[in-house]
Amino acid sequence: MFTFGRDHEKKCAAQYLRDPSQVEVVEQVVDAVHDLLDGQCDIDEAGKVFSGAFSQGGSGVWEQTASWMSKLASGLPYCKTDQLSRSQRQP
């Protein structure tokens, strides 16, 4: 999966947020995606970050999180949507 790099993607994602206090939440999503791509975390760890973004974030964060999840699900052969949805469930 191609990205323009962690820092550039964070700047782009932040442009879609109405609430500047939500920037950290969307940056965590971008970090989780890049960590997954770099092999620094697994799908379950990334899924927990996505779940947190949906529960803590607001407008803009939700859309950015869903967009990254969609890119991952379509761009990585080992990353299936059902894996992402399962990893988001809180025990």
PDB file of N, CA and C in Angstrom:
ATOM      1  N   MET A   1       0.846  -1.173   0.000  1.00  0.00           N
ATOM      2  CA  MET A   1       0.000   0.000   0.000  1.00  0.00           C
ATOM      3  C   MET A   1       0.893   1.238   0.000  1.00  0.00           C
ATOM      4  N   PHE A   2       0.596   2.172  -0.869  1.00  0.00           N
ATOM      5  CA  PHE A   2       1.388   3.388  -1.016  1.00  0.00           C
ATOM      6  C   PHE A   2       0.855   4.500  -0.124  1.00  0.00           C
ATOM      7  N   THR A   3       1.756   5.218   0.550  1.00  0.00           N
ATOM      8  CA  THR A   3       1.400   6.452   1.245  1.00  0.00           C
ATOM      9  C   THR A   3       2.451   7.499   0.906  1.00  0.00           C
ATOM     10  N   PHE A   4       2.159   8.729   1.223  1.00  0.00           N
ATOM     11  CA  PHE A   4       3.106   9.819   1.000  1.00  0.00           C
ATOM     12  C   PHE A   4       4.011  10.033   2.206  1.00  0.00           C
ATOM     13  N   GLY A   5       3.975   9.099   3.140  1.00  0.00           N
ATOM     14  CA  GLY A   5       4.815   9.200   4.330  1.00  0.00           C
ATOM     15  C   GLY A   5       4.016   9.645   5.534  1.00  0.00           C
ATOM     16  N   ARG A   6       4.460   9.205   6.653  1.00  0.00           N
ATOM     17  CA  ARG A   6       3.764   9.412   7.924  1.00  0.00           C
ATOM     18  C   ARG A   6       3.459  10.895   8.185  1.00  0.00           C
ATOM     19  N   ASP A   7       4.465  11.739   8.126  1.00  0.00           N
ATOM     20  CA  ASP A   7       4.268  13.150   8.471  1.00  0.00           C
ATOM     21  C   ASP A   7       3.344  13.863   7.486  1.00  0.00           C
ATOM     22  N   HIS A   8       3.540  13.602   6.211  1.00  0.00           N
ATOM     23  CA  HIS A   8       2.680  14.231   5.203  1.00  0.00           C
ATOM     24  C   HIS A   8       1.223  13.778   5.372  1.00  0.00           C
ATOM     25  N   GLU A   9       1.015  12.501   5.611  1.00  0.00           N
ATOM     26  CA  GLU A   9      -0.340  11.979   5.781  1.00  0.00           C
ATOM     27  C   GLU A   9      -1.014  12.570   7.027  1.00  0.00           C
ATOM     28  N   LYS A  10      -0.238  12.793   8.086  1.00  0.00           N
ATOM     29  CA  LYS A  10      -0.795  13.421   9.291  1.00  0.00           C
ATOM     30  C   LYS A  10      -1.270  14.838   8.990  1.00  0.00           C
ATOM     31  N   LYS A  11      -0.469  15.593   8.253  1.00  0.00           N
ATOM     32  CA  LYS A  11      -0.851  16.968   7.901  1.00  0.00           C
ATOM     33  C   LYS A  11      -2.113  16.979   7.045  1.00  0.00           C
ATOM     34  N   CYS A  12      -2.176  16.081   6.095  1.00  0.00           N
ATOM     35  CA  CYS A  12      -3.357  16.008   5.224  1.00  0.00           C
ATOM     36  C   CYS A  12      -4.603  15.618   6.011  1.00  0.00           C
ATOM     37  N   ALA A  13      -4.479  14.624   6.877  1.00  0.00           N
ATOM     38  CA  ALA A  13      -5.632  14.161   7.657  1.00  0.00           C
ATOM     39  C   ALA A  13      -6.139  15.253   8.587  1.00  0.00           C
ATOM     40  N   ALA A  14      -5.232  16.029   9.157  1.00  0.00           N
ATOM     41  CA  ALA A  14      -5.621  17.092  10.091  1.00  0.00           C
ATOM     42  C   ALA A  14      -6.448  18.179   9.413  1.00  0.00           C
ATOM     43  N   GLN A  15      -6.301  18.341   8.119  1.00  0.00           N
ATOM     44  CA  GLN A  15      -7.051  19.362   7.392  1.00  0.00           C
ATOM     45  C   GLN A  15      -8.553  19.086   7.385  1.00  0.00           C
ATOM     46  N   TYR A  16      -8.953  17.844   7.610  1.00  0.00           N
ATOM     47  CA  TYR A  16     -10.357  17.473   7.561  1.00  0.00           C
ATOM     48  C   TYR A  16     -11.062  17.583   8.915  1.00  0.00           C
ATOM     49  N   LEU A  17     -10.338  18.002   9.930  1.00  0.00           N
ATOM     50  CA  LEU A  17     -10.902  18.054  11.278  1.00  0.00           C
ATOM     51  C   LEU A  17     -11.497  19.424  11.569  1.00  0.00           C
ATOM     52  N   ARG A  18     -12.677  19.419  12.178  1.00  0.00           N
ATOM     53  CA  ARG A  18     -13.292  20.675  12.607  1.00  0.00           C
ATOM     54  C   ARG A  18     -12.729  21.134  13.943  1.00  0.00           C
ATOM     55  N   ASP A  19     -12.389  20.178  14.785  1.00  0.00           N
ATOM     56  CA  ASP A  19     -11.924  20.454  16.137  1.00  0.00           C
ATOM     57  C   ASP A  19     -10.423  20.204  16.219  1.00  0.00           C
ATOM     58  N   PRO A  20      -9.634  21.265  16.373  1.00  0.00           N
ATOM     59  CA  PRO A  20      -8.176  21.093  16.432  1.00  0.00           C
ATOM     60  C   PRO A  20      -7.700  20.193  17.579  1.00  0.00           C
ATOM     61  N   SER A  21      -8.503  20.034  18.604  1.00  0.00           N
ATOM     62  CA  SER A  21      -8.100  19.167  19.713  1.00  0.00           C
ATOM     63  C   SER A  21      -8.133  17.691  19.324  1.00  0.00           C
ATOM     64  N   GLN A  22      -8.689  17.375  18.172  1.00  0.00           N
ATOM     65  CA  GLN A  22      -8.790  15.995  17.698  1.00  0.00           C
ATOM     66  C   GLN A  22      -7.595  15.567  16.846  1.00  0.00           C
ATOM     67  N   VAL A  23      -6.661  16.485  16.609  1.00  0.00           N
ATOM     68  CA  VAL A  23      -5.513  16.175  15.759  1.00  0.00           C
ATOM     69  C   VAL A  23      -4.728  14.976  16.298  1.00  0.00           C
ATOM     70  N   GLU A  24      -4.520  14.919  17.583  1.00  0.00           N
ATOM     71  CA  GLU A  24      -3.747  13.812  18.161  1.00  0.00           C
ATOM     72  C   GLU A  24      -4.408  12.465  17.893  1.00  0.00           C
ATOM     73  N   VAL A  25      -5.728  12.427  17.927  1.00  0.00           N
ATOM     74  CA  VAL A  25      -6.449  11.166  17.690  1.00  0.00           C
ATOM     75  C   VAL A  25      -6.213  10.686  16.261  1.00  0.00           C
ATOM     76  N   VAL A  26      -6.345  11.575  15.292  1.00  0.00           N
ATOM     77  CA  VAL A  26      -6.154  11.168  13.896  1.00  0.00           C
ATOM     78  C   VAL A  26      -4.674  10.870  13.617  1.00  0.00           C
ATOM     79  N   GLU A  27      -3.776  11.532  14.316  1.00  0.00           N
ATOM     80  CA  GLU A  27      -2.358  11.212  14.152  1.00  0.00           C
ATOM     81  C   GLU A  27      -2.056   9.803  14.656  1.00  0.00           C
ATOM     82  N   GLN A  28      -2.740   9.378  15.697  1.00  0.00           N
ATOM     83  CA  GLN A  28      -2.552   8.014  16.197  1.00  0.00           C
ATOM     84  C   GLN A  28      -3.015   6.995  15.155  1.00  0.00           C
ATOM     85  N   VAL A  29      -4.078   7.320  14.440  1.00  0.00           N
ATOM     86  CA  VAL A  29      -4.564   6.435  13.374  1.00  0.00           C
ATOM     87  C   VAL A  29      -3.506   6.316  12.276  1.00  0.00           C
ATOM     88  N   VAL A  30      -2.977   7.437  11.843  1.00  0.00           N
ATOM     89  CA  VAL A  30      -1.950   7.426  10.791  1.00  0.00           C
ATOM     90  C   VAL A  30      -0.717   6.655  11.266  1.00  0.00           C
ATOM     91  N   ASP A  31      -0.332   6.869  12.525  1.00  0.00           N
ATOM     92  CA  ASP A  31       0.805   6.126  13.070  1.00  0.00           C
ATOM     93  C   ASP A  31       0.527   4.624  13.084  1.00  0.00           C
ATOM     94  N   ALA A  32      -0.679   4.235  13.466  1.00  0.00           N
ATOM     95  CA  ALA A  32      -1.022   2.808  13.510  1.00  0.00           C
ATOM     96  C   ALA A  32      -0.947   2.179  12.117  1.00  0.00           C
ATOM     97  N   VAL A  33      -1.427   2.901  11.125  1.00  0.00           N
ATOM     98  CA  VAL A  33      -1.365   2.395   9.749  1.00  0.00           C
ATOM     99  C   VAL A  33       0.087   2.201   9.332  1.00  0.00           C
ATOM    100  N   HIS A  34       0.905   3.203   9.554  1.00  0.00           N
ATOM    101  CA  HIS A  34       2.307   3.099   9.150  1.00  0.00           C
ATOM    102  C   HIS A  34       3.059   2.060   9.974  1.00  0.00           C
ATOM    103  N   ASP A  35       2.736   1.958  11.246  1.00  0.00           N
ATOM    104  CA  ASP A  35       3.356   0.911  12.068  1.00  0.00           C
ATOM    105  C   ASP A  35       2.993  -0.474  11.548  1.00  0.00           C
ATOM    106  N   LEU A  36       1.738  -0.647  11.147  1.00  0.00           N
ATOM    107  CA  LEU A  36       1.300  -1.917  10.578  1.00  0.00           C
ATOM    108  C   LEU A  36       2.047  -2.206   9.277  1.00  0.00           C
ATOM    109  N   LEU A  37       2.145  -1.206   8.431  1.00  0.00           N
ATOM    110  CA  LEU A  37       2.849  -1.372   7.162  1.00  0.00           C
ATOM    111  C   LEU A  37       4.335  -1.678   7.370  1.00  0.00           C
ATOM    112  N   ASP A  38       4.914  -1.107   8.422  1.00  0.00           N
ATOM    113  CA  ASP A  38       6.335  -1.313   8.717  1.00  0.00           C
ATOM    114  C   ASP A  38       6.598  -2.566   9.541  1.00  0.00           C
ATOM    115  N   GLY A  39       5.535  -3.276   9.912  1.00  0.00           N
ATOM    116  CA  GLY A  39       5.697  -4.484  10.705  1.00  0.00           C
ATOM    117  C   GLY A  39       5.976  -4.223  12.177  1.00  0.00           C
ATOM    118  N   GLN A  40       5.704  -3.006  12.639  1.00  0.00           N
ATOM    119  CA  GLN A  40       5.949  -2.647  14.036  1.00  0.00           C
ATOM    120  C   GLN A  40       4.757  -2.937  14.937  1.00  0.00           C
ATOM    121  N   CYS A  41       3.610  -3.264  14.355  1.00  0.00           N
ATOM    122  CA  CYS A  41       2.446  -3.674  15.135  1.00  0.00           C
ATOM    123  C   CYS A  41       1.647  -4.664  14.293  1.00  0.00           C
ATOM    124  N   ASP A  42       0.720  -5.356  14.931  1.00  0.00           N
ATOM    125  CA  ASP A  42      -0.113  -6.301  14.185  1.00  0.00           C
ATOM    126  C   ASP A  42      -1.515  -5.719  13.997  1.00  0.00           C
ATOM    127  N   ILE A  43      -2.336  -6.459  13.295  1.00  0.00           N
ATOM    128  CA  ILE A  43      -3.675  -5.992  12.951  1.00  0.00           C
ATOM    129  C   ILE A  43      -4.533  -5.724  14.189  1.00  0.00           C
ATOM    130  N   ASP A  44      -4.345  -6.522  15.241  1.00  0.00           N
ATOM    131  CA  ASP A  44      -5.122  -6.316  16.457  1.00  0.00           C
ATOM    132  C   ASP A  44      -4.742  -5.018  17.152  1.00  0.00           C
ATOM    133  N   GLU A  45      -3.467  -4.717  17.179  1.00  0.00           N
ATOM    134  CA  GLU A  45      -3.023  -3.462  17.797  1.00  0.00           C
ATOM    135  C   GLU A  45      -3.540  -2.258  17.008  1.00  0.00           C
ATOM    136  N   ALA A  46      -3.458  -2.329  15.696  1.00  0.00           N
ATOM    137  CA  ALA A  46      -3.975  -1.243  14.869  1.00  0.00           C
ATOM    138  C   ALA A  46      -5.480  -1.110  15.051  1.00  0.00           C
ATOM    139  N   GLY A  47      -6.172  -2.228  15.129  1.00  0.00           N
ATOM    140  CA  GLY A  47      -7.619  -2.204  15.321  1.00  0.00           C
ATOM    141  C   GLY A  47      -8.026  -1.516  16.608  1.00  0.00           C
ATOM    142  N   LYS A  48      -7.236  -1.677  17.656  1.00  0.00           N
ATOM    143  CA  LYS A  48      -7.527  -1.002  18.930  1.00  0.00           C
ATOM    144  C   LYS A  48      -7.403   0.507  18.784  1.00  0.00           C
ATOM    145  N   VAL A  49      -6.431   0.942  18.003  1.00  0.00           N
ATOM    146  CA  VAL A  49      -6.277   2.379  17.754  1.00  0.00           C
ATOM    147  C   VAL A  49      -7.481   2.899  16.970  1.00  0.00           C
ATOM    148  N   PHE A  50      -7.911   2.142  15.960  1.00  0.00           N
ATOM    149  CA  PHE A  50      -9.069   2.552  15.164  1.00  0.00           C
ATOM    150  C   PHE A  50     -10.319   2.624  16.034  1.00  0.00           C
ATOM    151  N   SER A  51     -10.495   1.632  16.875  1.00  0.00           N
ATOM    152  CA  SER A  51     -11.641   1.615  17.771  1.00  0.00           C
ATOM    153  C   SER A  51     -11.625   2.831  18.696  1.00  0.00           C
ATOM    154  N   GLY A  52     -10.464   3.140  19.226  1.00  0.00           N
ATOM    155  CA  GLY A  52     -10.337   4.317  20.081  1.00  0.00           C
ATOM    156  C   GLY A  52     -10.658   5.599  19.336  1.00  0.00           C
ATOM    157  N   ALA A  53     -10.261   5.670  18.084  1.00  0.00           N
ATOM    158  CA  ALA A  53     -10.549   6.856  17.280  1.00  0.00           C
ATOM    159  C   ALA A  53     -12.052   7.015  17.058  1.00  0.00           C
ATOM    160  N   PHE A  54     -12.740   5.896  16.817  1.00  0.00           N
ATOM    161  CA  PHE A  54     -14.189   5.979  16.641  1.00  0.00           C
ATOM    162  C   PHE A  54     -14.891   6.381  17.937  1.00  0.00           C
ATOM    163  N   SER A  55     -14.387   5.921  19.066  1.00  0.00           N
ATOM    164  CA  SER A  55     -15.057   6.233  20.333  1.00  0.00           C
ATOM    165  C   SER A  55     -14.651   7.595  20.890  1.00  0.00           C
ATOM    166  N   GLN A  56     -13.431   8.042  20.644  1.00  0.00           N
ATOM    167  CA  GLN A  56     -12.956   9.311  21.188  1.00  0.00           C
ATOM    168  C   GLN A  56     -13.073  10.467  20.212  1.00  0.00           C
ATOM    169  N   GLY A  57     -13.046  10.145  18.951  1.00  0.00           N
ATOM    170  CA  GLY A  57     -13.013  11.192  17.931  1.00  0.00           C
ATOM    171  C   GLY A  57     -14.392  11.706  17.585  1.00  0.00           C
ATOM    172  N   GLY A  58     -14.383  12.726  16.792  1.00  0.00           N
ATOM    173  CA  GLY A  58     -15.623  13.319  16.310  1.00  0.00           C
ATOM    174  C   GLY A  58     -15.597  13.369  14.800  1.00  0.00           C
ATOM    175  N   SER A  59     -16.398  14.271  14.251  1.00  0.00           N
ATOM    176  CA  SER A  59     -16.471  14.435  12.813  1.00  0.00           C
ATOM    177  C   SER A  59     -15.087  14.727  12.263  1.00  0.00           C
ATOM    178  N   GLY A  60     -14.754  14.107  11.201  1.00  0.00           N
ATOM    179  CA  GLY A  60     -13.426  14.225  10.613  1.00  0.00           C
ATOM    180  C   GLY A  60     -12.552  13.055  11.036  1.00  0.00           C
ATOM    181  N   VAL A  61     -12.485  12.782  12.323  1.00  0.00           N
ATOM    182  CA  VAL A  61     -11.716  11.635  12.813  1.00  0.00           C
ATOM    183  C   VAL A  61     -12.371  10.354  12.322  1.00  0.00           C
ATOM    184  N   TRP A  62     -13.682  10.280  12.440  1.00  0.00           N
ATOM    185  CA  TRP A  62     -14.396   9.068  12.003  1.00  0.00           C
ATOM    186  C   TRP A  62     -14.146   8.816  10.527  1.00  0.00           C
ATOM    187  N   GLU A  63     -14.285   9.876   9.736  1.00  0.00           N
ATOM    188  CA  GLU A  63     -14.117   9.729   8.290  1.00  0.00           C
ATOM    189  C   GLU A  63     -12.690   9.334   7.929  1.00  0.00           C
ATOM    190  N   GLN A  64     -11.714   9.950   8.578  1.00  0.00           N
ATOM    191  CA  GLN A  64     -10.320   9.621   8.300  1.00  0.00           C
ATOM    192  C   GLN A  64      -9.991   8.191   8.723  1.00  0.00           C
ATOM    193  N   THR A  65     -10.515   7.785   9.863  1.00  0.00           N
ATOM    194  CA  THR A  65     -10.276   6.414  10.334  1.00  0.00           C
ATOM    195  C   THR A  65     -10.881   5.405   9.370  1.00  0.00           C
ATOM    196  N   ALA A  66     -12.107   5.643   8.962  1.00  0.00           N
ATOM    197  CA  ALA A  66     -12.766   4.739   8.015  1.00  0.00           C
ATOM    198  C   ALA A  66     -12.012   4.700   6.687  1.00  0.00           C
ATOM    199  N   SER A  67     -11.512   5.827   6.257  1.00  0.00           N
ATOM    200  CA  SER A  67     -10.762   5.884   5.008  1.00  0.00           C
ATOM    201  C   SER A  67      -9.486   5.051   5.091  1.00  0.00           C
ATOM    202  N   TRP A  68      -8.762   5.172   6.199  1.00  0.00           N
ATOM    203  CA  TRP A  68      -7.548   4.386   6.358  1.00  0.00           C
ATOM    204  C   TRP A  68      -7.862   2.898   6.477  1.00  0.00           C
ATOM    205  N   MET A  69      -8.923   2.556   7.165  1.00  0.00           N
ATOM    206  CA  MET A  69      -9.313   1.147   7.273  1.00  0.00           C
ATOM    207  C   MET A  69      -9.641   0.576   5.900  1.00  0.00           C
ATOM    208  N   SER A  70     -10.340   1.351   5.098  1.00  0.00           N
ATOM    209  CA  SER A  70     -10.701   0.912   3.752  1.00  0.00           C
ATOM    210  C   SER A  70      -9.457   0.720   2.889  1.00  0.00           C
ATOM    211  N   LYS A  71      -8.516   1.654   2.983  1.00  0.00           N
ATOM    212  CA  LYS A  71      -7.270   1.522   2.220  1.00  0.00           C
ATOM    213  C   LYS A  71      -6.506   0.271   2.634  1.00  0.00           C
ATOM    214  N   LEU A  72      -6.448   0.026   3.935  1.00  0.00           N
ATOM    215  CA  LEU A  72      -5.756  -1.168   4.415  1.00  0.00           C
ATOM    216  C   LEU A  72      -6.437  -2.433   3.924  1.00  0.00           C
ATOM    217  N   ALA A  73      -7.758  -2.476   4.035  1.00  0.00           N
ATOM    218  CA  ALA A  73      -8.501  -3.676   3.665  1.00  0.00           C
ATOM    219  C   ALA A  73      -8.383  -3.983   2.175  1.00  0.00           C
ATOM    220  N   SER A  74      -8.293  -2.956   1.354  1.00  0.00           N
ATOM    221  CA  SER A  74      -8.199  -3.207  -0.087  1.00  0.00           C
ATOM    222  C   SER A  74      -6.758  -3.295  -0.573  1.00  0.00           C
ATOM    223  N   GLY A  75      -5.812  -2.782   0.219  1.00  0.00           N
ATOM    224  CA  GLY A  75      -4.442  -2.719  -0.260  1.00  0.00           C
ATOM    225  C   GLY A  75      -3.503  -3.780   0.247  1.00  0.00           C
ATOM    226  N   LEU A  76      -3.888  -4.468   1.304  1.00  0.00           N
ATOM    227  CA  LEU A  76      -2.998  -5.474   1.861  1.00  0.00           C
ATOM    228  C   LEU A  76      -3.671  -6.839   1.816  1.00  0.00           C
ATOM    229  N   PRO A  77      -3.021  -7.824   1.233  1.00  0.00           N
ATOM    230  CA  PRO A  77      -3.656  -9.135   1.108  1.00  0.00           C
ATOM    231  C   PRO A  77      -3.954  -9.796   2.452  1.00  0.00           C
ATOM    232  N   TYR A  78      -3.164  -9.519   3.472  1.00  0.00           N
ATOM    233  CA  TYR A  78      -3.382 -10.160   4.767  1.00  0.00           C
ATOM    234  C   TYR A  78      -4.321  -9.375   5.661  1.00  0.00           C
ATOM    235  N   CYS A  79      -4.743  -8.226   5.216  1.00  0.00           N
ATOM    236  CA  CYS A  79      -5.571  -7.344   6.045  1.00  0.00           C
ATOM    237  C   CYS A  79      -7.013  -7.387   5.536  1.00  0.00           C
ATOM    238  N   LYS A  80      -7.825  -8.123   6.197  1.00  0.00           N
ATOM    239  CA  LYS A  80      -9.211  -8.276   5.805  1.00  0.00           C
ATOM    240  C   LYS A  80     -10.108  -7.422   6.689  1.00  0.00           C
ATOM    241  N   THR A  81     -11.194  -6.950   6.128  1.00  0.00           N
ATOM    242  CA  THR A  81     -12.124  -6.112   6.873  1.00  0.00           C
ATOM    243  C   THR A  81     -12.640  -6.825   8.109  1.00  0.00           C
ATOM    244  N   ASP A  82     -12.895  -8.125   8.009  1.00  0.00           N
ATOM    245  CA  ASP A  82     -13.402  -8.847   9.178  1.00  0.00           C
ATOM    246  C   ASP A  82     -12.361  -8.899  10.284  1.00  0.00           C
ATOM    247  N   GLN A  83     -11.072  -8.940   9.937  1.00  0.00           N
ATOM    248  CA  GLN A  83     -10.019  -8.897  10.955  1.00  0.00           C
ATOM    249  C   GLN A  83     -10.044  -7.551  11.672  1.00  0.00           C
ATOM    250  N   LEU A  84     -10.193  -6.479  10.914  1.00  0.00           N
ATOM    251  CA  LEU A  84     -10.234  -5.153  11.515  1.00  0.00           C
ATOM    252  C   LEU A  84     -11.443  -4.997  12.421  1.00  0.00           C
ATOM    253  N   SER A  85     -12.588  -5.481  11.980  1.00  0.00           N
ATOM    254  CA  SER A  85     -13.793  -5.321  12.793  1.00  0.00           C
ATOM    255  C   SER A  85     -13.715  -6.178  14.057  1.00  0.00           C
ATOM    256  N   ARG A  86     -13.156  -7.365  13.962  1.00  0.00           N
ATOM    257  CA  ARG A  86     -12.999  -8.209  15.153  1.00  0.00           C
ATOM    258  C   ARG A  86     -12.039  -7.595  16.151  1.00  0.00           C
ATOM    259  N   SER A  87     -10.977  -6.975  15.662  1.00  0.00           N
ATOM    260  CA  SER A  87      -9.969  -6.422  16.558  1.00  0.00           C
ATOM    261  C   SER A  87     -10.474  -5.180  17.268  1.00  0.00           C
ATOM    262  N   GLN A  88     -11.566  -4.607  16.814  1.00  0.00           N
ATOM    263  CA  GLN A  88     -12.091  -3.399  17.426  1.00  0.00           C
ATOM    264  C   GLN A  88     -12.999  -3.674  18.606  1.00  0.00           C
ATOM    265  N   ARG A  89     -13.443  -4.883  18.747  1.00  0.00           N
ATOM    266  CA  ARG A  89     -14.336  -5.203  19.857  1.00  0.00           C
ATOM    267  C   ARG A  89     -13.598  -5.125  21.172  1.00  0.00           C
ATOM    268  N   GLN A  90     -14.176  -4.414  22.091  1.00  0.00           N
ATOM    269  CA  GLN A  90     -13.592  -4.295  23.412  1.00  0.00           C
ATOM    270  C   GLN A  90     -14.100  -5.429  24.285  1.00  0.00           C
ATOM    271  N   PRO A  91     -13.203  -6.102  25.047  1.00  0.00           N
ATOM    272  CA  PRO A  91     -13.672  -7.213  25.897  1.00  0.00           C
ATOM    273  C   PRO A  91     -14.515  -6.710  27.045  1.00  0.00           C
TER     274      PRO A  91
END
